[in-house]
Amino acid sequence: MQCSKCGNSQVIIKKHQSGQYLCKDCFIESIEKKVIKTVKKEKLLDKGDKVLVALSGGKDSVTTLEILNSFRKRNIIDICAVTVDEGIDNYRQEGVDIATRHAKRLGIEHKVVSLKKEYGITLDEIMQKENHIGSCSYCGVFRRTIINKAAREMGATKIATGHNLDD
């Protein structure tokens, strides 16, 4: 199997909507082009915006940061980032480290906010209590509140979150 765009034999993905097979470089380029086209078409960014990126350290949010950084390089927007540490043992620290490393590499203002520091409890501690309604319900509300608060504190005019290809 070869890349539908460049002929490279190192195909990493088949795009189901188009049927294309893409190598790593062509896949990255296709995602960047799609995001930039959508941002322009939907007028999602205005010159002078400061965009807070909700940066988990996962591939979706890191990709969002990288793509928005192309707008920052052209002096269209400024970027800052926040990472929420939910307090999940043996899981969260790696993402926090990745997020911190990427923000530092790009020279982007970044803060890490923990549920423990902000609310006095971790997600793990919440889940140990009886009668909980599921981790996603708590995490989603806490995370969104922290992101909104960080946006206000950092002077952001817009918030960007990473999504996967199915979103």
C-alpha atoms as a PDB file:
ATOM      1  CA  MET A   1       0.000   0.000   0.000  1.00  0.00           C
ATOM      2  CA  GLN A   2       1.256   3.479  -0.903  1.00  0.00           C
ATOM      3  CA  CYS A   3       0.408   6.988   0.233  1.00  0.00           C
ATOM      4  CA  SER A   4      -2.327   8.362  -2.024  1.00  0.00           C
ATOM      5  CA  LYS A   5      -0.615  11.775  -2.137  1.00  0.00           C
ATOM      6  CA  CYS A   6       3.132  11.177  -2.408  1.00  0.00           C
ATOM      7  CA  GLY A   7       3.554   7.455  -3.094  1.00  0.00           C
ATOM      8  CA  ASN A   8       5.497   6.759   0.115  1.00  0.00           C
ATOM      9  CA  SER A   9       5.230   3.114   1.158  1.00  0.00           C
ATOM     10  CA  GLN A  10       5.111   3.972   4.888  1.00  0.00           C
ATOM     11  CA  VAL A  11       1.318   4.402   5.172  1.00  0.00           C
ATOM     12  CA  ILE A  12       0.098   5.086   8.708  1.00  0.00           C
ATOM     13  CA  ILE A  13      -3.627   5.764   8.222  1.00  0.00           C
ATOM     14  CA  LYS A  14      -6.573   5.269   5.934  1.00  0.00           C
ATOM     15  CA  LYS A  15      -8.965   8.227   5.988  1.00  0.00           C
ATOM     16  CA  HIS A  16     -12.380   6.606   5.936  1.00  0.00           C
ATOM     17  CA  GLN A  17     -14.258   9.607   4.522  1.00  0.00           C
ATOM     18  CA  SER A  18     -11.998  10.033   1.500  1.00  0.00           C
ATOM     19  CA  GLY A  19     -10.582   6.522   1.221  1.00  0.00           C
ATOM     20  CA  GLN A  20      -7.067   7.971   1.075  1.00  0.00           C
ATOM     21  CA  TYR A  21      -4.053   6.168   2.462  1.00  0.00           C
ATOM     22  CA  LEU A  22      -1.555   8.613   3.934  1.00  0.00           C
ATOM     23  CA  CYS A  23       2.008   8.548   5.197  1.00  0.00           C
ATOM     24  CA  LYS A  24       2.916  10.454   8.359  1.00  0.00           C
ATOM     25  CA  ASP A  25       3.949  13.683   6.596  1.00  0.00           C
ATOM     26  CA  CYS A  26       0.907  13.803   4.308  1.00  0.00           C
ATOM     27  CA  PHE A  27      -1.418  12.982   7.228  1.00  0.00           C
ATOM     28  CA  ILE A  28      -0.003  15.844   9.319  1.00  0.00           C
ATOM     29  CA  GLU A  29      -0.255  18.208   6.362  1.00  0.00           C
ATOM     30  CA  SER A  30      -3.886  17.175   5.715  1.00  0.00           C
ATOM     31  CA  ILE A  31      -4.865  17.807   9.346  1.00  0.00           C
ATOM     32  CA  GLU A  32      -3.139  21.205   9.400  1.00  0.00           C
ATOM     33  CA  LYS A  33      -4.833  22.250   6.154  1.00  0.00           C
ATOM     34  CA  LYS A  34      -8.247  21.105   7.372  1.00  0.00           C
ATOM     35  CA  VAL A  35      -7.958  22.994  10.661  1.00  0.00           C
ATOM     36  CA  ILE A  36      -6.650  26.175   9.027  1.00  0.00           C
ATOM     37  CA  LYS A  37      -9.418  26.035   6.402  1.00  0.00           C
ATOM     38  CA  THR A  38     -12.072  25.562   9.110  1.00  0.00           C
ATOM     39  CA  VAL A  39     -10.659  28.382  11.256  1.00  0.00           C
ATOM     40  CA  LYS A  40     -10.764  30.756   8.281  1.00  0.00           C
ATOM     41  CA  LYS A  41     -14.153  29.622   6.952  1.00  0.00           C
ATOM     42  CA  GLU A  42     -15.883  29.793  10.335  1.00  0.00           C
ATOM     43  CA  LYS A  43     -13.973  32.947  11.376  1.00  0.00           C
ATOM     44  CA  LEU A  44     -12.920  31.308  14.645  1.00  0.00           C
ATOM     45  CA  LEU A  45      -9.944  33.610  15.236  1.00  0.00           C
ATOM     46  CA  ASP A  46      -9.606  37.361  15.095  1.00  0.00           C
ATOM     47  CA  LYS A  47      -6.330  39.226  14.794  1.00  0.00           C
ATOM     48  CA  GLY A  48      -5.137  40.030  18.305  1.00  0.00           C
ATOM     49  CA  ASP A  49      -6.950  37.159  20.030  1.00  0.00           C
ATOM     50  CA  LYS A  50      -5.229  35.454  22.915  1.00  0.00           C
ATOM     51  CA  VAL A  51      -6.181  31.780  22.777  1.00  0.00           C
ATOM     52  CA  LEU A  52      -5.957  29.548  25.808  1.00  0.00           C
ATOM     53  CA  VAL A  53      -5.257  25.958  24.790  1.00  0.00           C
ATOM     54  CA  ALA A  54      -6.551  23.291  27.156  1.00  0.00           C
ATOM     55  CA  LEU A  55      -3.371  21.221  26.979  1.00  0.00           C
ATOM     56  CA  SER A  56      -3.708  17.719  28.419  1.00  0.00           C
ATOM     57  CA  GLY A  57      -0.468  16.437  26.933  1.00  0.00           C
ATOM     58  CA  GLY A  58      -2.313  13.980  24.695  1.00  0.00           C
ATOM     59  CA  LYS A  59      -1.872  13.922  20.930  1.00  0.00           C
ATOM     60  CA  ASP A  60      -5.077  15.855  20.225  1.00  0.00           C
ATOM     61  CA  SER A  61      -4.301  18.840  22.453  1.00  0.00           C
ATOM     62  CA  VAL A  62      -0.617  18.897  21.469  1.00  0.00           C
ATOM     63  CA  THR A  63      -1.688  18.949  17.802  1.00  0.00           C
ATOM     64  CA  THR A  64      -4.068  21.828  18.570  1.00  0.00           C
ATOM     65  CA  LEU A  65      -1.210  23.723  20.214  1.00  0.00           C
ATOM     66  CA  GLU A  66       1.117  23.089  17.263  1.00  0.00           C
ATOM     67  CA  ILE A  67      -1.422  24.198  14.664  1.00  0.00           C
ATOM     68  CA  LEU A  68      -2.435  27.321  16.582  1.00  0.00           C
ATOM     69  CA  ASN A  69       1.250  28.115  16.989  1.00  0.00           C
ATOM     70  CA  SER A  70       1.401  28.578  13.199  1.00  0.00           C
ATOM     71  CA  PHE A  71      -1.050  31.493  13.633  1.00  0.00           C
ATOM     72  CA  ARG A  72       1.068  32.830  16.490  1.00  0.00           C
ATOM     73  CA  LYS A  73       4.220  32.713  14.336  1.00  0.00           C
ATOM     74  CA  ARG A  74       2.441  34.948  11.812  1.00  0.00           C
ATOM     75  CA  ASN A  75       1.528  37.426  14.604  1.00  0.00           C
ATOM     76  CA  ILE A  76      -2.194  36.815  14.169  1.00  0.00           C
ATOM     77  CA  ILE A  77      -2.841  35.547  17.710  1.00  0.00           C
ATOM     78  CA  ASP A  78      -1.101  34.973  21.010  1.00  0.00           C
ATOM     79  CA  ILE A  79      -1.335  31.662  22.867  1.00  0.00           C
ATOM     80  CA  CYS A  80      -1.301  30.522  26.466  1.00  0.00           C
ATOM     81  CA  ALA A  81      -2.048  27.072  27.848  1.00  0.00           C
ATOM     82  CA  VAL A  82      -3.398  25.365  30.934  1.00  0.00           C
ATOM     83  CA  THR A  83      -3.071  21.753  32.016  1.00  0.00           C
ATOM     84  CA  VAL A  84      -5.497  20.325  34.567  1.00  0.00           C
ATOM     85  CA  ASP A  85      -4.038  17.735  36.942  1.00  0.00           C
ATOM     86  CA  GLU A  86      -7.040  15.745  38.117  1.00  0.00           C
ATOM     87  CA  GLY A  87      -5.008  13.701  40.579  1.00  0.00           C
ATOM     88  CA  ILE A  88      -5.247  10.293  38.925  1.00  0.00           C
ATOM     89  CA  ASP A  89      -2.466   8.053  40.250  1.00  0.00           C
ATOM     90  CA  ASN A  90      -0.177   6.338  37.729  1.00  0.00           C
ATOM     91  CA  TYR A  91      -1.773   8.225  34.827  1.00  0.00           C
ATOM     92  CA  ARG A  92      -1.729  11.996  34.881  1.00  0.00           C
ATOM     93  CA  GLN A  93       1.896  12.921  35.543  1.00  0.00           C
ATOM     94  CA  GLU A  94       3.107  11.773  32.118  1.00  0.00           C
ATOM     95  CA  GLY A  95       0.582  14.025  30.361  1.00  0.00           C
ATOM     96  CA  VAL A  96       1.479  16.969  32.590  1.00  0.00           C
ATOM     97  CA  ASP A  97       5.163  16.464  31.757  1.00  0.00           C
ATOM     98  CA  ILE A  98       4.472  16.248  28.009  1.00  0.00           C
ATOM     99  CA  ALA A  99       2.293  19.375  28.098  1.00  0.00           C
ATOM    100  CA  THR A 100       4.914  21.309  30.051  1.00  0.00           C
ATOM    101  CA  ARG A 101       7.681  20.242  27.677  1.00  0.00           C
ATOM    102  CA  HIS A 102       5.744  21.264  24.529  1.00  0.00           C
ATOM    103  CA  ALA A 103       4.692  24.646  25.919  1.00  0.00           C
ATOM    104  CA  LYS A 104       8.257  25.376  27.028  1.00  0.00           C
ATOM    105  CA  ARG A 105       9.696  24.297  23.653  1.00  0.00           C
ATOM    106  CA  LEU A 106       7.376  26.714  21.854  1.00  0.00           C
ATOM    107  CA  GLY A 107       7.847  29.517  24.398  1.00  0.00           C
ATOM    108  CA  ILE A 108       4.171  29.548  25.340  1.00  0.00           C
ATOM    109  CA  GLU A 109       2.921  30.750  28.733  1.00  0.00           C
ATOM    110  CA  HIS A 110       1.679  27.647  30.563  1.00  0.00           C
ATOM    111  CA  LYS A 111       0.243  26.822  33.944  1.00  0.00           C
ATOM    112  CA  VAL A 112      -0.661  23.547  35.611  1.00  0.00           C
ATOM    113  CA  VAL A 113      -3.665  23.605  37.934  1.00  0.00           C
ATOM    114  CA  SER A 114      -4.503  20.674  40.200  1.00  0.00           C
ATOM    115  CA  LEU A 115      -7.917  19.695  41.507  1.00  0.00           C
ATOM    116  CA  LYS A 116      -6.259  19.058  44.879  1.00  0.00           C
ATOM    117  CA  LYS A 117      -4.937  22.604  45.095  1.00  0.00           C
ATOM    118  CA  GLU A 118      -8.070  24.211  43.651  1.00  0.00           C
ATOM    119  CA  TYR A 119     -10.758  22.155  45.456  1.00  0.00           C
ATOM    120  CA  GLY A 120      -8.925  20.216  48.154  1.00  0.00           C
ATOM    121  CA  ILE A 121      -9.680  16.817  46.610  1.00  0.00           C
ATOM    122  CA  THR A 122      -8.416  14.655  43.741  1.00  0.00           C
ATOM    123  CA  LEU A 123     -10.515  12.698  41.282  1.00  0.00           C
ATOM    124  CA  ASP A 124      -9.165   9.483  42.832  1.00  0.00           C
ATOM    125  CA  GLU A 125     -10.389  10.640  46.258  1.00  0.00           C
ATOM    126  CA  ILE A 126     -13.817  11.508  44.846  1.00  0.00           C
ATOM    127  CA  MET A 127     -14.106   8.045  43.344  1.00  0.00           C
ATOM    128  CA  GLN A 128     -13.299   6.410  46.698  1.00  0.00           C
ATOM    129  CA  LYS A 129     -16.374   7.986  48.269  1.00  0.00           C
ATOM    130  CA  GLU A 130     -19.714   6.187  48.197  1.00  0.00           C
ATOM    131  CA  ASN A 131     -22.637   7.281  46.029  1.00  0.00           C
ATOM    132  CA  HIS A 132     -20.552   8.892  43.300  1.00  0.00           C
ATOM    133  CA  ILE A 133     -22.093   9.290  39.848  1.00  0.00           C
ATOM    134  CA  GLY A 134     -19.041   8.434  37.758  1.00  0.00           C
ATOM    135  CA  SER A 135     -15.684  10.078  37.221  1.00  0.00           C
ATOM    136  CA  CYS A 136     -16.550  11.776  33.915  1.00  0.00           C
ATOM    137  CA  SER A 137     -19.338  13.844  35.474  1.00  0.00           C
ATOM    138  CA  TYR A 138     -17.064  15.242  38.175  1.00  0.00           C
ATOM    139  CA  CYS A 139     -13.996  15.593  35.998  1.00  0.00           C
ATOM    140  CA  GLY A 140     -15.836  17.410  33.203  1.00  0.00           C
ATOM    141  CA  VAL A 141     -17.330  20.025  35.515  1.00  0.00           C
ATOM    142  CA  PHE A 142     -14.102  20.607  37.462  1.00  0.00           C
ATOM    143  CA  ARG A 143     -11.964  20.691  34.318  1.00  0.00           C
ATOM    144  CA  ARG A 144     -14.204  23.182  32.501  1.00  0.00           C
ATOM    145  CA  THR A 145     -14.393  25.452  35.543  1.00  0.00           C
ATOM    146  CA  ILE A 146     -10.596  25.460  35.877  1.00  0.00           C
ATOM    147  CA  ILE A 147     -10.118  26.116  32.151  1.00  0.00           C
ATOM    148  CA  ASN A 148     -12.556  29.050  32.208  1.00  0.00           C
ATOM    149  CA  LYS A 149     -10.939  30.515  35.334  1.00  0.00           C
ATOM    150  CA  ALA A 150      -7.443  30.166  33.829  1.00  0.00           C
ATOM    151  CA  ALA A 151      -8.631  31.868  30.622  1.00  0.00           C
ATOM    152  CA  ARG A 152      -9.839  34.867  32.612  1.00  0.00           C
ATOM    153  CA  GLU A 153      -6.666  35.009  34.726  1.00  0.00           C
ATOM    154  CA  MET A 154      -4.379  34.739  31.681  1.00  0.00           C
ATOM    155  CA  GLY A 155      -6.337  37.301  29.645  1.00  0.00           C
ATOM    156  CA  ALA A 156      -7.491  34.869  26.966  1.00  0.00           C
ATOM    157  CA  THR A 157     -10.256  35.917  24.590  1.00  0.00           C
ATOM    158  CA  LYS A 158     -10.883  32.400  23.271  1.00  0.00           C
ATOM    159  CA  ILE A 159     -10.419  28.793  24.410  1.00  0.00           C
ATOM    160  CA  ALA A 160      -9.291  25.908  22.200  1.00  0.00           C
ATOM    161  CA  THR A 161      -9.599  22.233  23.044  1.00  0.00           C
ATOM    162  CA  GLY A 162      -8.154  19.284  21.153  1.00  0.00           C
ATOM    163  CA  HIS A 163     -10.448  16.768  19.524  1.00  0.00           C
ATOM    164  CA  ASN A 164      -9.940  13.522  17.707  1.00  0.00           C
ATOM    165  CA  LEU A 165     -10.646  12.901  14.041  1.00  0.00           C
ATOM    166  CA  ASP A 166     -14.157  11.644  14.812  1.00  0.00           C
ATOM    167  CA  ASP A 167     -15.186  14.881  16.576  1.00  0.00           C
END
